Amino acid sequence: MELSSVILTTGGSFGFFRLVNAGVSKLPMPESACRNAWKWRNISTSFVHSFITAIWAVLCFFLHPRMAEDLIETHSVFSHALVSFSIGYFMYDFFDMVLNQKLSQSWELLFHHIVVITCFGLSVLSCRYVGFAVVALLVEINSVFLHLRQILRMASLAVGTLYRVNSIINLGTYVVFRINTLAWMTRWLVLNRDKVPLLAYTLGSVGLAIMTAMNIVLFYRLLRSDFLKSSTREGKKEKEM
């Protein structure tokens, strides 16, 4: 893809998610979510991005399997467009949070977005490491269930079979597509150290280290919230009986 195509795809993505956010605001909203309408719209928009990107990333490797053998040079226009599309979303979400949320509440995600935009931006502009970026986007498979969990909680549906099943799938996909994927990416970067320029290696290493730390903390929070606390409550009820 030429620079003009990258700008067009990224800008189109930015505009698309603005329209998605505006569309969500026109849809009926659960009464419990009205207390924070912005967050409801933001999470719903993020859910749409995750759903599209998860399918797109899998299709990239399915339609162009050679990319899995060479994550540095080999890629397709389809996969290059995916990375550009995601840059547009992360830019949109960055400005959405800056304009509507306090810095103390969003600094972790803002920093995450800066790292992703920088790394993905270098990838699409240089047309290198596109395959590596698509591997990183496989984490969006888990994000589908992670965002659905937030939507259910905001809609006061954090009880019952649907929430429980989603929690189990969420943790399972979290381990497989988030923690394991980041571990695999770190291993790949170390094994291919001699093929990666110092700047790219440094940015990749720092970015992966930050992502890994953030994801371990989030995994513990999810485990404690959805399973450890519920187990504690059940144990207390049994003692009372």
Protein backbone atom coordinates (compact mmCIF):
# COMPACT_ATOMS: atom_id res chain seq x y z
CA MET A 1 0.00 0.00 0.00
CA GLU A 2 1.21 3.50 -0.86
CA LEU A 3 1.32 6.30 1.72
CA SER A 4 -1.87 7.83 0.31
CA SER A 5 -3.66 4.48 0.75
CA VAL A 6 -2.43 4.19 4.34
CA ILE A 7 -3.67 7.70 5.15
CA LEU A 8 -7.00 6.99 3.44
CA THR A 9 -7.49 3.70 5.29
CA THR A 10 -6.47 5.14 8.66
CA GLY A 11 -8.59 8.26 8.19
CA GLY A 12 -11.53 6.20 6.96
CA SER A 13 -11.24 3.98 10.02
CA PHE A 14 -11.16 7.02 12.32
CA GLY A 15 -14.33 8.36 10.69
CA PHE A 16 -16.00 4.95 10.70
CA PHE A 17 -15.65 4.56 14.45
CA ARG A 18 -16.93 8.10 15.02
CA LEU A 19 -20.04 7.05 13.10
CA VAL A 20 -20.29 3.80 15.10
CA ASN A 21 -20.11 5.79 18.34
CA ALA A 22 -22.79 8.21 17.09
CA GLY A 23 -24.94 5.27 16.00
CA VAL A 24 -24.69 3.63 19.41
CA SER A 25 -25.91 6.86 21.02
CA LYS A 26 -29.11 6.59 18.95
CA LEU A 27 -29.85 3.05 20.12
CA PRO A 28 -31.79 2.21 23.32
CA MET A 29 -29.52 2.23 26.37
CA PRO A 30 -30.02 0.20 29.58
CA GLU A 31 -31.17 2.41 32.42
CA SER A 32 -28.22 1.33 34.55
CA ALA A 33 -25.80 2.50 31.82
CA CYS A 34 -27.31 5.99 31.65
CA ARG A 35 -25.20 7.04 34.62
CA ASN A 36 -22.16 6.87 32.33
CA ALA A 37 -23.45 7.14 28.78
CA TRP A 38 -20.02 7.98 27.39
CA LYS A 39 -18.48 4.79 28.76
CA TRP A 40 -21.35 2.72 27.31
CA ARG A 41 -20.76 4.23 23.86
CA ASN A 42 -16.99 3.84 24.15
CA ILE A 43 -17.10 0.18 25.15
CA SER A 44 -19.70 -0.63 22.50
CA THR A 45 -17.49 1.00 19.85
CA SER A 46 -14.49 -0.96 21.13
CA PHE A 47 -16.55 -4.15 20.90
CA VAL A 48 -17.27 -3.44 17.22
CA HIS A 49 -13.54 -2.90 16.56
CA SER A 50 -12.60 -6.13 18.34
CA PHE A 51 -15.22 -8.15 16.49
CA ILE A 52 -14.12 -6.87 13.06
CA THR A 53 -10.40 -7.10 13.80
CA ALA A 54 -10.55 -10.59 15.32
CA ILE A 55 -12.15 -12.02 12.18
CA TRP A 56 -9.89 -9.96 9.90
CA ALA A 57 -6.67 -11.08 11.66
CA VAL A 58 -7.59 -14.78 11.41
CA LEU A 59 -8.47 -14.35 7.73
CA CYS A 60 -5.08 -12.72 7.09
CA PHE A 61 -3.24 -15.90 8.05
CA PHE A 62 -5.86 -18.16 6.48
CA LEU A 63 -5.71 -16.42 3.09
CA HIS A 64 -1.96 -15.80 3.17
CA PRO A 65 -0.36 -18.61 5.26
CA ARG A 66 3.14 -17.76 4.03
CA MET A 67 3.02 -14.68 6.26
CA ALA A 68 3.28 -16.93 9.33
CA GLU A 69 6.66 -18.16 8.06
CA ASP A 70 8.08 -14.67 7.61
CA LEU A 71 6.67 -12.02 9.93
CA ILE A 72 9.15 -9.39 8.80
CA GLU A 73 8.93 -9.05 5.02
CA THR A 74 5.97 -11.17 3.88
CA HIS A 75 2.50 -9.65 3.96
CA SER A 76 -0.54 -9.00 1.79
CA VAL A 77 -2.44 -5.82 0.99
CA PHE A 78 -5.25 -7.33 3.08
CA SER A 79 -3.05 -7.60 6.19
CA HIS A 80 -1.44 -4.19 5.61
CA ALA A 81 -4.92 -2.66 5.43
CA LEU A 82 -5.85 -4.34 8.72
CA VAL A 83 -2.95 -2.72 10.58
CA SER A 84 -3.80 0.68 9.05
CA PHE A 85 -7.45 0.18 9.98
CA SER A 86 -6.51 -0.55 13.59
CA ILE A 87 -4.29 2.53 13.78
CA GLY A 88 -7.36 4.58 12.87
CA TYR A 89 -9.36 2.98 15.67
CA PHE A 90 -6.65 3.48 18.31
CA MET A 91 -6.26 7.11 17.26
CA TYR A 92 -10.01 7.62 17.50
CA ASP A 93 -10.20 5.92 20.91
CA PHE A 94 -7.22 7.94 22.17
CA PHE A 95 -8.91 11.27 21.38
CA ASP A 96 -12.26 10.00 22.65
CA MET A 97 -10.73 9.24 26.06
CA VAL A 98 -8.72 12.48 26.19
CA LEU A 99 -11.85 14.54 25.53
CA ASN A 100 -14.27 12.64 27.76
CA GLN A 101 -12.37 11.02 30.62
CA LYS A 102 -10.08 12.20 33.40
CA LEU A 103 -6.40 11.47 32.87
CA SER A 104 -6.19 9.69 36.22
CA GLN A 105 -8.76 7.18 34.99
CA SER A 106 -7.38 6.59 31.50
CA TRP A 107 -3.59 7.09 31.58
CA GLU A 108 -2.86 3.34 31.33
CA LEU A 109 -4.96 2.92 28.18
CA LEU A 110 -3.68 6.18 26.70
CA PHE A 111 -0.11 4.98 27.15
CA HIS A 112 -1.06 1.60 25.65
CA HIS A 113 -2.56 3.36 22.62
CA ILE A 114 0.56 5.53 22.12
CA VAL A 115 2.77 2.42 22.09
CA VAL A 116 0.46 0.60 19.66
CA ILE A 117 0.06 3.58 17.31
CA THR A 118 3.85 4.09 17.25
CA CYS A 119 4.72 0.44 16.59
CA PHE A 120 1.93 -0.12 14.05
CA GLY A 121 2.70 3.20 12.37
CA LEU A 122 6.35 2.25 11.83
CA SER A 123 5.19 -1.10 10.47
CA VAL A 124 2.77 0.24 7.84
CA LEU A 125 5.13 3.04 6.76
CA SER A 126 8.13 0.75 6.35
CA CYS A 127 6.05 -2.22 5.08
CA ARG A 128 7.99 -4.45 7.46
CA TYR A 129 6.82 -6.45 10.51
CA VAL A 130 3.24 -6.35 9.22
CA GLY A 131 2.89 -10.07 10.01
CA PHE A 132 4.16 -9.40 13.52
CA ALA A 133 1.54 -6.65 13.93
CA VAL A 134 -1.21 -9.00 12.72
CA VAL A 135 -0.11 -11.57 15.31
CA ALA A 136 -0.46 -8.82 17.93
CA LEU A 137 -4.00 -8.16 16.71
CA LEU A 138 -4.99 -11.76 17.46
CA VAL A 139 -5.45 -10.54 21.04
CA GLU A 140 -8.65 -8.90 19.79
CA ILE A 141 -10.23 -12.37 19.81
CA ASN A 142 -10.14 -12.13 23.60
CA SER A 143 -11.15 -8.44 23.53
CA VAL A 144 -14.53 -9.45 22.06
CA PHE A 145 -15.38 -11.27 25.30
CA LEU A 146 -13.59 -8.72 27.49
CA HIS A 147 -15.73 -5.89 26.11
CA LEU A 148 -18.88 -8.04 26.23
CA ARG A 149 -18.17 -8.59 29.93
CA GLN A 150 -18.10 -4.82 30.50
CA ILE A 151 -21.29 -4.35 28.49
CA LEU A 152 -23.10 -6.99 30.56
CA ARG A 153 -21.92 -5.43 33.81
CA MET A 154 -23.04 -1.96 32.76
CA ALA A 155 -26.41 -3.40 31.76
CA SER A 156 -26.75 -4.93 35.27
CA LEU A 157 -26.50 -8.44 33.83
CA ALA A 158 -23.47 -9.54 35.84
CA VAL A 159 -25.35 -12.59 37.10
CA GLY A 160 -26.78 -15.66 35.44
CA THR A 161 -25.62 -18.19 32.87
CA LEU A 162 -24.73 -15.76 30.07
CA TYR A 163 -22.33 -13.76 32.23
CA ARG A 164 -20.83 -16.90 33.74
CA VAL A 165 -20.22 -18.54 30.37
CA ASN A 166 -18.74 -15.32 28.97
CA SER A 167 -16.45 -15.06 32.03
CA ILE A 168 -15.10 -18.57 31.45
CA ILE A 169 -14.55 -17.97 27.72
CA ASN A 170 -13.04 -14.58 28.53
CA LEU A 171 -10.40 -16.05 30.86
CA GLY A 172 -9.70 -18.95 28.49
CA THR A 173 -9.17 -16.72 25.48
CA TYR A 174 -7.23 -14.30 27.67
CA VAL A 175 -4.63 -16.98 28.40
CA VAL A 176 -4.51 -18.30 24.82
CA PHE A 177 -4.76 -15.13 22.74
CA ARG A 178 -3.36 -12.50 25.07
CA ILE A 179 -0.81 -13.91 27.52
CA ASN A 180 0.42 -16.76 25.28
CA THR A 181 0.50 -14.55 22.18
CA LEU A 182 2.58 -11.92 23.96
CA ALA A 183 4.92 -14.63 25.28
CA TRP A 184 5.29 -16.06 21.75
CA MET A 185 5.96 -12.59 20.31
CA THR A 186 8.63 -11.95 22.96
CA ARG A 187 10.29 -15.29 22.18
CA TRP A 188 10.18 -14.57 18.43
CA LEU A 189 11.77 -11.15 18.95
CA VAL A 190 14.61 -12.64 21.02
CA LEU A 191 15.25 -15.48 18.54
CA ASN A 192 15.28 -13.06 15.59
CA ARG A 193 17.40 -10.41 17.30
CA ASP A 194 20.00 -10.45 14.50
CA LYS A 195 17.33 -9.73 11.85
CA VAL A 196 15.74 -6.76 13.66
CA PRO A 197 17.32 -3.26 13.68
CA LEU A 198 18.22 -1.86 17.10
CA LEU A 199 15.46 0.80 17.10
CA ALA A 200 12.73 -1.68 16.14
CA TYR A 201 14.08 -4.23 18.62
CA THR A 202 14.13 -1.66 21.44
CA LEU A 203 10.62 -0.38 20.69
CA GLY A 204 9.30 -3.93 20.37
CA SER A 205 10.95 -5.11 23.59
CA VAL A 206 9.77 -2.13 25.64
CA GLY A 207 6.26 -2.34 24.16
CA LEU A 208 5.94 -6.08 24.83
CA ALA A 209 7.27 -5.70 28.37
CA ILE A 210 4.69 -3.00 29.13
CA MET A 211 1.86 -4.99 27.51
CA THR A 212 2.82 -8.15 29.40
CA ALA A 213 2.86 -6.36 32.77
CA MET A 214 -0.50 -4.68 32.08
CA ASN A 215 -2.10 -7.94 30.95
CA ILE A 216 -0.91 -9.90 33.98
CA VAL A 217 -2.40 -7.25 36.29
CA LEU A 218 -5.68 -7.24 34.33
CA PHE A 219 -5.84 -11.04 34.36
CA TYR A 220 -5.55 -11.05 38.15
CA ARG A 221 -8.30 -8.42 38.43
CA LEU A 222 -10.61 -10.46 36.20
CA LEU A 223 -9.90 -13.67 38.09
CA ARG A 224 -10.48 -11.99 41.44
CA SER A 225 -13.66 -10.21 40.31
CA ASP A 226 -15.39 -13.04 38.44
CA PHE A 227 -14.22 -16.16 40.26
CA LEU A 228 -12.35 -15.59 43.53
CA LYS A 229 -14.93 -13.19 44.99
CA SER A 230 -17.85 -15.39 43.95
CA SER A 231 -16.13 -18.42 45.49
CA THR A 232 -15.61 -16.48 48.71
CA ARG A 233 -19.28 -15.48 48.82
CA GLU A 234 -20.39 -19.07 48.25
CA GLY A 235 -18.07 -20.25 51.00
CA LYS A 236 -19.53 -17.72 53.43
CA LYS A 237 -23.08 -18.83 52.58
CA GLU A 238 -22.18 -22.47 53.26
CA LYS A 239 -20.72 -21.54 56.66
CA GLU A 240 -23.83 -19.57 57.54
CA MET A 241 -25.99 -22.60 56.69
